[in-house]
Amino acid sequence: MNRTEEIRSFITDQIVKSKDVVLTDDRHLIRDGLINSIDVMRLITFMTERFGATLEEDDYNLENFETLASIHALVEKRTVRTSNGLA
């Protein structure tokens, strides 16, 4: 499972808690009311624990958490890869 799919599964299973919600890569999660600021904090914890992402002060803005694509881009930007491709 790639990172986008892992993030999608986390949001679907742990935050939205509905398999009926379609989460495309460009769906607006905050604007559409699927996640809120507390959910963003849960996402940050997930990103840190699962992928080893280390966010910087400038990363803590809602635009980085608006879509799956923007969340994935942030994870890729803030995750150190090892020689085997894993964080």
Foldseek 3Di string as FASTA:
>chain_A
DDPLVVLVCCLCVPQQNDPPDDADQPAFCVVVPSDDPVVVVVSVVCLCVQQVFDDDPVCPDCVCVGGSNSVVVSSVVRGDADPVRGD
